[in-house]
PDB file of N, CA and C in Angstrom:
ATOM      1  N   UNK A   1      13.429   3.752  10.736  1.00  0.00           N
ATOM      2  CA  UNK A   1      14.524   2.852  11.008  1.00  0.00           C
ATOM      3  C   UNK A   1      14.833   2.070   9.737  1.00  0.00           C
ATOM      4  N   UNK A   2      16.105   1.784   9.525  1.00  0.00           N
ATOM      5  CA  UNK A   2      16.524   0.957   8.403  1.00  0.00           C
ATOM      6  C   UNK A   2      17.121  -0.330   8.961  1.00  0.00           C
ATOM      7  N   UNK A   3      16.807  -1.450   8.314  1.00  0.00           N
ATOM      8  CA  UNK A   3      17.309  -2.742   8.770  1.00  0.00           C
ATOM      9  C   UNK A   3      17.669  -3.597   7.565  1.00  0.00           C
ATOM     10  N   UNK A   4      18.792  -4.277   7.666  1.00  0.00           N
ATOM     11  CA  UNK A   4      19.182  -5.197   6.606  1.00  0.00           C
ATOM     12  C   UNK A   4      18.517  -6.550   6.850  1.00  0.00           C
ATOM     13  N   UNK A   5      18.691  -7.434   5.895  1.00  0.00           N
ATOM     14  CA  UNK A   5      18.146  -8.785   6.044  1.00  0.00           C
ATOM     15  C   UNK A   5      18.747  -9.466   7.270  1.00  0.00           C
ATOM     16  N   UNK A   6      20.029  -9.265   7.511  1.00  0.00           N
ATOM     17  CA  UNK A   6      20.692  -9.858   8.682  1.00  0.00           C
ATOM     18  C   UNK A   6      20.108  -9.275   9.961  1.00  0.00           C
ATOM     19  N   UNK A   7      19.808  -7.962   9.952  1.00  0.00           N
ATOM     20  CA  UNK A   7      19.205  -7.335  11.132  1.00  0.00           C
ATOM     21  C   UNK A   7      17.844  -7.945  11.453  1.00  0.00           C
ATOM     22  N   UNK A   8      17.099  -8.325  10.430  1.00  0.00           N
ATOM     23  CA  UNK A   8      15.796  -8.951  10.681  1.00  0.00           C
ATOM     24  C   UNK A   8      15.955 -10.204  11.515  1.00  0.00           C
ATOM     25  N   UNK A   9      17.050 -10.894  11.312  1.00  0.00           N
ATOM     26  CA  UNK A   9      17.271 -12.147  12.052  1.00  0.00           C
ATOM     27  C   UNK A   9      17.859 -11.892  13.430  1.00  0.00           C
ATOM     28  N   UNK A  10      18.879 -11.049  13.508  1.00  0.00           N
ATOM     29  CA  UNK A  10      19.617 -10.907  14.756  1.00  0.00           C
ATOM     30  C   UNK A  10      19.183  -9.736  15.622  1.00  0.00           C
ATOM     31  N   UNK A  11      18.443  -8.801  15.090  1.00  0.00           N
ATOM     32  CA  UNK A  11      17.992  -7.643  15.864  1.00  0.00           C
ATOM     33  C   UNK A  11      16.474  -7.521  15.836  1.00  0.00           C
ATOM     34  N   UNK A  12      15.816  -8.653  15.902  1.00  0.00           N
ATOM     35  CA  UNK A  12      14.360  -8.687  15.840  1.00  0.00           C
ATOM     36  C   UNK A  12      13.734  -7.850  16.950  1.00  0.00           C
ATOM     37  N   UNK A  13      14.299  -7.928  18.140  1.00  0.00           N
ATOM     38  CA  UNK A  13      13.731  -7.192  19.273  1.00  0.00           C
ATOM     39  C   UNK A  13      13.745  -5.683  19.016  1.00  0.00           C
ATOM     40  N   UNK A  14      14.868  -5.157  18.494  1.00  0.00           N
ATOM     41  CA  UNK A  14      14.967  -3.727  18.218  1.00  0.00           C
ATOM     42  C   UNK A  14      13.971  -3.308  17.135  1.00  0.00           C
ATOM     43  N   UNK A  15      13.776  -4.165  16.151  1.00  0.00           N
ATOM     44  CA  UNK A  15      12.823  -3.867  15.080  1.00  0.00           C
ATOM     45  C   UNK A  15      11.404  -3.839  15.634  1.00  0.00           C
ATOM     46  N   UNK A  16      11.073  -4.810  16.467  1.00  0.00           N
ATOM     47  CA  UNK A  16       9.742  -4.832  17.079  1.00  0.00           C
ATOM     48  C   UNK A  16       9.523  -3.625  17.988  1.00  0.00           C
ATOM     49  N   UNK A  17      10.576  -3.184  18.683  1.00  0.00           N
ATOM     50  CA  UNK A  17      10.459  -1.998  19.528  1.00  0.00           C
ATOM     51  C   UNK A  17      10.213  -0.748  18.683  1.00  0.00           C
ATOM     52  N   UNK A  18      10.864  -0.671  17.538  1.00  0.00           N
ATOM     53  CA  UNK A  18      10.634   0.465  16.639  1.00  0.00           C
ATOM     54  C   UNK A  18       9.185   0.471  16.146  1.00  0.00           C
ATOM     55  N   UNK A  19       8.664  -0.702  15.830  1.00  0.00           N
ATOM     56  CA  UNK A  19       7.270  -0.788  15.405  1.00  0.00           C
ATOM     57  C   UNK A  19       6.324  -0.391  16.535  1.00  0.00           C
ATOM     58  N   UNK A  20       6.675  -0.723  17.775  1.00  0.00           N
ATOM     59  CA  UNK A  20       5.863  -0.323  18.930  1.00  0.00           C
ATOM     60  C   UNK A  20       5.828   1.197  19.069  1.00  0.00           C
ATOM     61  N   UNK A  21       6.911   1.853  18.654  1.00  0.00           N
ATOM     62  CA  UNK A  21       6.974   3.322  18.700  1.00  0.00           C
ATOM     63  C   UNK A  21       6.328   3.945  17.463  1.00  0.00           C
ATOM     64  N   UNK A  22       5.629   3.142  16.691  1.00  0.00           N
ATOM     65  CA  UNK A  22       4.965   3.576  15.458  1.00  0.00           C
ATOM     66  C   UNK A  22       5.944   4.089  14.402  1.00  0.00           C
ATOM     67  N   UNK A  23       7.134   3.508  14.374  1.00  0.00           N
ATOM     68  CA  UNK A  23       8.113   3.826  13.341  1.00  0.00           C
ATOM     69  C   UNK A  23       7.992   2.800  12.218  1.00  0.00           C
ATOM     70  N   UNK A  24       8.183   3.236  11.008  1.00  0.00           N
ATOM     71  CA  UNK A  24       8.256   2.314   9.882  1.00  0.00           C
ATOM     72  C   UNK A  24       9.673   1.772   9.804  1.00  0.00           C
ATOM     73  N   UNK A  25       9.811   0.532   9.357  1.00  0.00           N
ATOM     74  CA  UNK A  25      11.123  -0.094   9.211  1.00  0.00           C
ATOM     75  C   UNK A  25      11.355  -0.366   7.734  1.00  0.00           C
ATOM     76  N   UNK A  26      12.395   0.240   7.187  1.00  0.00           N
ATOM     77  CA  UNK A  26      12.766   0.033   5.795  1.00  0.00           C
ATOM     78  C   UNK A  26      13.717  -1.148   5.729  1.00  0.00           C
ATOM     79  N   UNK A  27      13.389  -2.143   4.910  1.00  0.00           N
ATOM     80  CA  UNK A  27      14.201  -3.350   4.789  1.00  0.00           C
ATOM     81  C   UNK A  27      15.128  -3.201   3.588  1.00  0.00           C
ATOM     82  N   UNK A  28      16.424  -3.374   3.828  1.00  0.00           N
ATOM     83  CA  UNK A  28      17.439  -3.235   2.793  1.00  0.00           C
ATOM     84  C   UNK A  28      18.062  -4.588   2.470  1.00  0.00           C
ATOM     85  N   UNK A  29      18.354  -4.809   1.201  1.00  0.00           N
ATOM     86  CA  UNK A  29      19.046  -6.015   0.760  1.00  0.00           C
ATOM     87  C   UNK A  29      20.144  -5.563  -0.187  1.00  0.00           C
ATOM     88  N   UNK A  30      21.379  -5.773   0.200  1.00  0.00           N
ATOM     89  CA  UNK A  30      22.539  -5.293  -0.551  1.00  0.00           C
ATOM     90  C   UNK A  30      22.461  -3.783  -0.767  1.00  0.00           C
ATOM     91  N   UNK A  31      21.990  -3.070   0.254  1.00  0.00           N
ATOM     92  CA  UNK A  31      21.928  -1.620   0.206  1.00  0.00           C
ATOM     93  C   UNK A  31      20.750  -1.028  -0.556  1.00  0.00           C
ATOM     94  N   UNK A  32      19.913  -1.878  -1.120  1.00  0.00           N
ATOM     95  CA  UNK A  32      18.749  -1.399  -1.877  1.00  0.00           C
ATOM     96  C   UNK A  32      17.481  -1.669  -1.085  1.00  0.00           C
ATOM     97  N   UNK A  33      16.551  -0.742  -1.181  1.00  0.00           N
ATOM     98  CA  UNK A  33      15.285  -0.889  -0.464  1.00  0.00           C
ATOM     99  C   UNK A  33      14.485  -2.015  -1.103  1.00  0.00           C
ATOM    100  N   UNK A  34      14.067  -2.977  -0.272  1.00  0.00           N
ATOM    101  CA  UNK A  34      13.244  -4.093  -0.746  1.00  0.00           C
ATOM    102  C   UNK A  34      11.817  -4.005  -0.244  1.00  0.00           C
ATOM    103  N   UNK A  35      11.594  -3.245   0.810  1.00  0.00           N
ATOM    104  CA  UNK A  35      10.248  -3.124   1.336  1.00  0.00           C
ATOM    105  C   UNK A  35      10.223  -2.277   2.589  1.00  0.00           C
ATOM    106  N   UNK A  36       9.015  -2.042   3.066  1.00  0.00           N
ATOM    107  CA  UNK A  36       8.812  -1.251   4.281  1.00  0.00           C
ATOM    108  C   UNK A  36       7.827  -2.003   5.159  1.00  0.00           C
ATOM    109  N   UNK A  37       8.187  -2.162   6.424  1.00  0.00           N
ATOM    110  CA  UNK A  37       7.293  -2.780   7.402  1.00  0.00           C
ATOM    111  C   UNK A  37       6.606  -1.649   8.147  1.00  0.00           C
ATOM    112  N   UNK A  38       5.282  -1.626   8.102  1.00  0.00           N
ATOM    113  CA  UNK A  38       4.495  -0.583   8.750  1.00  0.00           C
ATOM    114  C   UNK A  38       3.938  -1.111  10.068  1.00  0.00           C
ATOM    115  N   UNK A  39       3.835  -0.259  11.092  1.00  0.00           N
ATOM    116  CA  UNK A  39       3.218  -0.693  12.340  1.00  0.00           C
ATOM    117  C   UNK A  39       1.740  -1.014  12.139  1.00  0.00           C
ATOM    118  N   UNK A  40       1.274  -2.025  12.833  1.00  0.00           N
ATOM    119  CA  UNK A  40      -0.138  -2.410  12.747  1.00  0.00           C
ATOM    120  C   UNK A  40      -0.986  -1.381  13.477  1.00  0.00           C
ATOM    121  N   UNK A  41      -2.233  -1.284  13.058  1.00  0.00           N
ATOM    122  CA  UNK A  41      -3.161  -0.410  13.750  1.00  0.00           C
ATOM    123  C   UNK A  41      -3.241   0.990  13.201  1.00  0.00           C
ATOM    124  N   UNK A  42      -2.422   1.311  12.205  1.00  0.00           N
ATOM    125  CA  UNK A  42      -2.544   2.625  11.600  1.00  0.00           C
ATOM    126  C   UNK A  42      -3.805   2.661  10.748  1.00  0.00           C
ATOM    127  N   UNK A  43      -4.544   3.745  10.793  1.00  0.00           N
ATOM    128  CA  UNK A  43      -5.724   3.826   9.940  1.00  0.00           C
ATOM    129  C   UNK A  43      -5.308   3.914   8.473  1.00  0.00           C
ATOM    130  N   UNK A  44      -6.132   3.407   7.569  1.00  0.00           N
ATOM    131  CA  UNK A  44      -5.789   3.503   6.152  1.00  0.00           C
ATOM    132  C   UNK A  44      -5.688   4.970   5.727  1.00  0.00           C
ATOM    133  N   UNK A  45      -4.908   5.213   4.704  1.00  0.00           N
ATOM    134  CA  UNK A  45      -4.642   6.579   4.251  1.00  0.00           C
ATOM    135  C   UNK A  45      -5.940   7.308   3.881  1.00  0.00           C
ATOM    136  N   UNK A  46      -6.769   6.671   3.070  1.00  0.00           N
ATOM    137  CA  UNK A  46      -8.027   7.293   2.664  1.00  0.00           C
ATOM    138  C   UNK A  46      -8.909   6.235   2.012  1.00  0.00           C
ATOM    139  N   UNK A  47     -10.167   6.547   1.893  1.00  0.00           N
ATOM    140  CA  UNK A  47     -11.092   5.638   1.229  1.00  0.00           C
ATOM    141  C   UNK A  47     -10.802   5.645  -0.269  1.00  0.00           C
ATOM    142  N   UNK A  48     -11.081   4.548  -0.928  1.00  0.00           N
ATOM    143  CA  UNK A  48     -10.821   4.424  -2.360  1.00  0.00           C
ATOM    144  C   UNK A  48     -11.579   5.492  -3.142  1.00  0.00           C
ATOM    145  N   UNK A  49     -12.804   5.768  -2.757  1.00  0.00           N
ATOM    146  CA  UNK A  49     -13.611   6.756  -3.484  1.00  0.00           C
ATOM    147  C   UNK A  49     -13.053   8.169  -3.348  1.00  0.00           C
ATOM    148  N   UNK A  50     -12.158   8.396  -2.374  1.00  0.00           N
ATOM    149  CA  UNK A  50     -11.566   9.721  -2.196  1.00  0.00           C
ATOM    150  C   UNK A  50     -10.243   9.863  -2.949  1.00  0.00           C
ATOM    151  N   UNK A  51      -9.831   8.826  -3.668  1.00  0.00           N
ATOM    152  CA  UNK A  51      -8.589   8.880  -4.432  1.00  0.00           C
ATOM    153  C   UNK A  51      -8.709   9.932  -5.529  1.00  0.00           C
ATOM    154  N   UNK A  52      -7.621  10.644  -5.840  1.00  0.00           N
ATOM    155  CA  UNK A  52      -7.693  11.704  -6.854  1.00  0.00           C
ATOM    156  C   UNK A  52      -8.163  11.232  -8.227  1.00  0.00           C
ATOM    157  N   UNK A  53      -8.021   9.949  -8.531  1.00  0.00           N
ATOM    158  CA  UNK A  53      -8.477   9.431  -9.815  1.00  0.00           C
ATOM    159  C   UNK A  53      -9.966   9.684 -10.003  1.00  0.00           C
ATOM    160  N   UNK A  54     -10.742   9.489  -8.957  1.00  0.00           N
ATOM    161  CA  UNK A  54     -12.176   9.686  -9.049  1.00  0.00           C
ATOM    162  C   UNK A  54     -12.478  11.170  -8.989  1.00  0.00           C
ATOM    163  N   UNK A  55     -13.161  11.632  -9.977  1.00  0.00           N
ATOM    164  CA  UNK A  55     -13.467  13.041 -10.071  1.00  0.00           C
ATOM    165  C   UNK A  55     -12.609  13.750 -11.102  1.00  0.00           C
ATOM    166  N   UNK A  56     -11.576  13.069 -11.603  1.00  0.00           N
ATOM    167  CA  UNK A  56     -10.770  13.725 -12.627  1.00  0.00           C
ATOM    168  C   UNK A  56     -11.557  13.826 -13.918  1.00  0.00           C
ATOM    169  N   UNK A  57     -12.567  12.988 -14.044  1.00  0.00           N
ATOM    170  CA  UNK A  57     -13.473  13.078 -15.181  1.00  0.00           C
ATOM    171  C   UNK A  57     -14.825  13.521 -14.644  1.00  0.00           C
ATOM    172  N   UNK A  58     -14.967  14.777 -14.409  1.00  0.00           N
ATOM    173  CA  UNK A  58     -16.194  15.305 -13.810  1.00  0.00           C
ATOM    174  C   UNK A  58     -17.405  15.079 -14.701  1.00  0.00           C
ATOM    175  N   UNK A  59     -17.177  14.881 -15.992  1.00  0.00           N
ATOM    176  CA  UNK A  59     -18.289  14.678 -16.910  1.00  0.00           C
ATOM    177  C   UNK A  59     -18.674  13.198 -17.052  1.00  0.00           C
ATOM    178  N   UNK A  60     -18.053  12.322 -16.252  1.00  0.00           N
ATOM    179  CA  UNK A  60     -18.337  10.885 -16.341  1.00  0.00           C
ATOM    180  C   UNK A  60     -19.782  10.605 -15.927  1.00  0.00           C
ATOM    181  N   UNK A  61     -20.442   9.765 -16.701  1.00  0.00           N
ATOM    182  CA  UNK A  61     -21.835   9.448 -16.433  1.00  0.00           C
ATOM    183  C   UNK A  61     -21.979   8.270 -15.473  1.00  0.00           C
ATOM    184  N   UNK A  62     -20.948   7.434 -15.354  1.00  0.00           N
ATOM    185  CA  UNK A  62     -21.070   6.247 -14.500  1.00  0.00           C
ATOM    186  C   UNK A  62     -20.583   6.536 -13.087  1.00  0.00           C
ATOM    187  N   UNK A  63     -21.086   5.759 -12.148  1.00  0.00           N
ATOM    188  CA  UNK A  63     -20.711   5.948 -10.757  1.00  0.00           C
ATOM    189  C   UNK A  63     -19.320   5.364 -10.524  1.00  0.00           C
ATOM    190  N   UNK A  64     -18.764   5.635  -9.359  1.00  0.00           N
ATOM    191  CA  UNK A  64     -17.446   5.122  -8.998  1.00  0.00           C
ATOM    192  C   UNK A  64     -17.451   3.594  -9.020  1.00  0.00           C
ATOM    193  N   UNK A  65     -18.490   2.993  -8.448  1.00  0.00           N
ATOM    194  CA  UNK A  65     -18.572   1.530  -8.406  1.00  0.00           C
ATOM    195  C   UNK A  65     -18.642   0.940  -9.811  1.00  0.00           C
ATOM    196  N   UNK A  66     -19.421   1.566 -10.703  1.00  0.00           N
ATOM    197  CA  UNK A  66     -19.524   1.069 -12.079  1.00  0.00           C
ATOM    198  C   UNK A  66     -18.198   1.205 -12.816  1.00  0.00           C
ATOM    199  N   UNK A  67     -17.509   2.316 -12.599  1.00  0.00           N
ATOM    200  CA  UNK A  67     -16.230   2.526 -13.258  1.00  0.00           C
ATOM    201  C   UNK A  67     -15.192   1.523 -12.763  1.00  0.00           C
ATOM    202  N   UNK A  68     -15.180   1.258 -11.447  1.00  0.00           N
ATOM    203  CA  UNK A  68     -14.268   0.254 -10.901  1.00  0.00           C
ATOM    204  C   UNK A  68     -14.551  -1.123 -11.486  1.00  0.00           C
ATOM    205  N   UNK A  69     -15.806  -1.490 -11.570  1.00  0.00           N
ATOM    206  CA  UNK A  69     -16.172  -2.792 -12.125  1.00  0.00           C
ATOM    207  C   UNK A  69     -15.719  -2.908 -13.578  1.00  0.00           C
ATOM    208  N   UNK A  70     -15.897  -1.834 -14.326  1.00  0.00           N
ATOM    209  CA  UNK A  70     -15.473  -1.840 -15.730  1.00  0.00           C
ATOM    210  C   UNK A  70     -13.954  -1.961 -15.837  1.00  0.00           C
ATOM    211  N   UNK A  71     -13.221  -1.256 -14.974  1.00  0.00           N
ATOM    212  CA  UNK A  71     -11.757  -1.301 -15.014  1.00  0.00           C
ATOM    213  C   UNK A  71     -11.208  -2.658 -14.579  1.00  0.00           C
ATOM    214  N   UNK A  72     -11.917  -3.360 -13.737  1.00  0.00           N
ATOM    215  CA  UNK A  72     -11.439  -4.648 -13.223  1.00  0.00           C
ATOM    216  C   UNK A  72     -11.771  -5.829 -14.119  1.00  0.00           C
ATOM    217  N   UNK A  73     -12.493  -5.600 -15.186  1.00  0.00           N
ATOM    218  CA  UNK A  73     -12.833  -6.693 -16.101  1.00  0.00           C
ATOM    219  C   UNK A  73     -11.589  -7.143 -16.843  1.00  0.00           C
ATOM    220  N   UNK A  74     -11.529  -8.424 -17.207  1.00  0.00           N
ATOM    221  CA  UNK A  74     -10.400  -8.886 -18.015  1.00  0.00           C
ATOM    222  C   UNK A  74     -10.365  -8.132 -19.349  1.00  0.00           C
ATOM    223  N   UNK A  75      -9.216  -8.068 -19.931  1.00  0.00           N
ATOM    224  CA  UNK A  75      -9.015  -7.287 -21.149  1.00  0.00           C
ATOM    225  C   UNK A  75      -9.887  -7.776 -22.296  1.00  0.00           C
ATOM    226  N   UNK A  76     -10.017  -9.081 -22.438  1.00  0.00           N
ATOM    227  CA  UNK A  76     -10.731  -9.637 -23.572  1.00  0.00           C
ATOM    228  C   UNK A  76     -12.067 -10.261 -23.162  1.00  0.00           C
ATOM    229  N   UNK A  77     -12.753  -9.623 -22.249  1.00  0.00           N
ATOM    230  CA  UNK A  77     -14.037 -10.171 -21.835  1.00  0.00           C
ATOM    231  C   UNK A  77     -15.106  -9.792 -22.854  1.00  0.00           C
ATOM    232  N   UNK A  78     -16.127 -10.613 -22.891  1.00  0.00           N
ATOM    233  CA  UNK A  78     -17.256 -10.337 -23.791  1.00  0.00           C
ATOM    234  C   UNK A  78     -18.037  -9.161 -23.251  1.00  0.00           C
ATOM    235  N   UNK A  79     -18.522  -8.273 -24.095  1.00  0.00           N
ATOM    236  CA  UNK A  79     -19.310  -7.136 -23.604  1.00  0.00           C
ATOM    237  C   UNK A  79     -20.581  -7.612 -22.908  1.00  0.00           C
ATOM    238  N   UNK A  80     -20.937  -6.928 -21.853  1.00  0.00           N
ATOM    239  CA  UNK A  80     -22.143  -7.326 -21.108  1.00  0.00           C
ATOM    240  C   UNK A  80     -23.336  -6.511 -21.464  1.00  0.00           C
TER     241      UNK A  80
END
């Protein structure tokens, strides 16, 4: 379903009914997509460790958790 900003205000019931039917609602502002409202209760797409990024370096010596920790460090952090 597609809904404009005005529809969010005046057609709230129809939007909620679409979400009850497990439909996603695309929110438009001046004809451009601004976001998507997803129905609650959907299971997550996949676990983070199953993302294609992990395993692309099969020769990596560090574990997924270690690599994530290293990637999340600030750019100019002191080496540990």
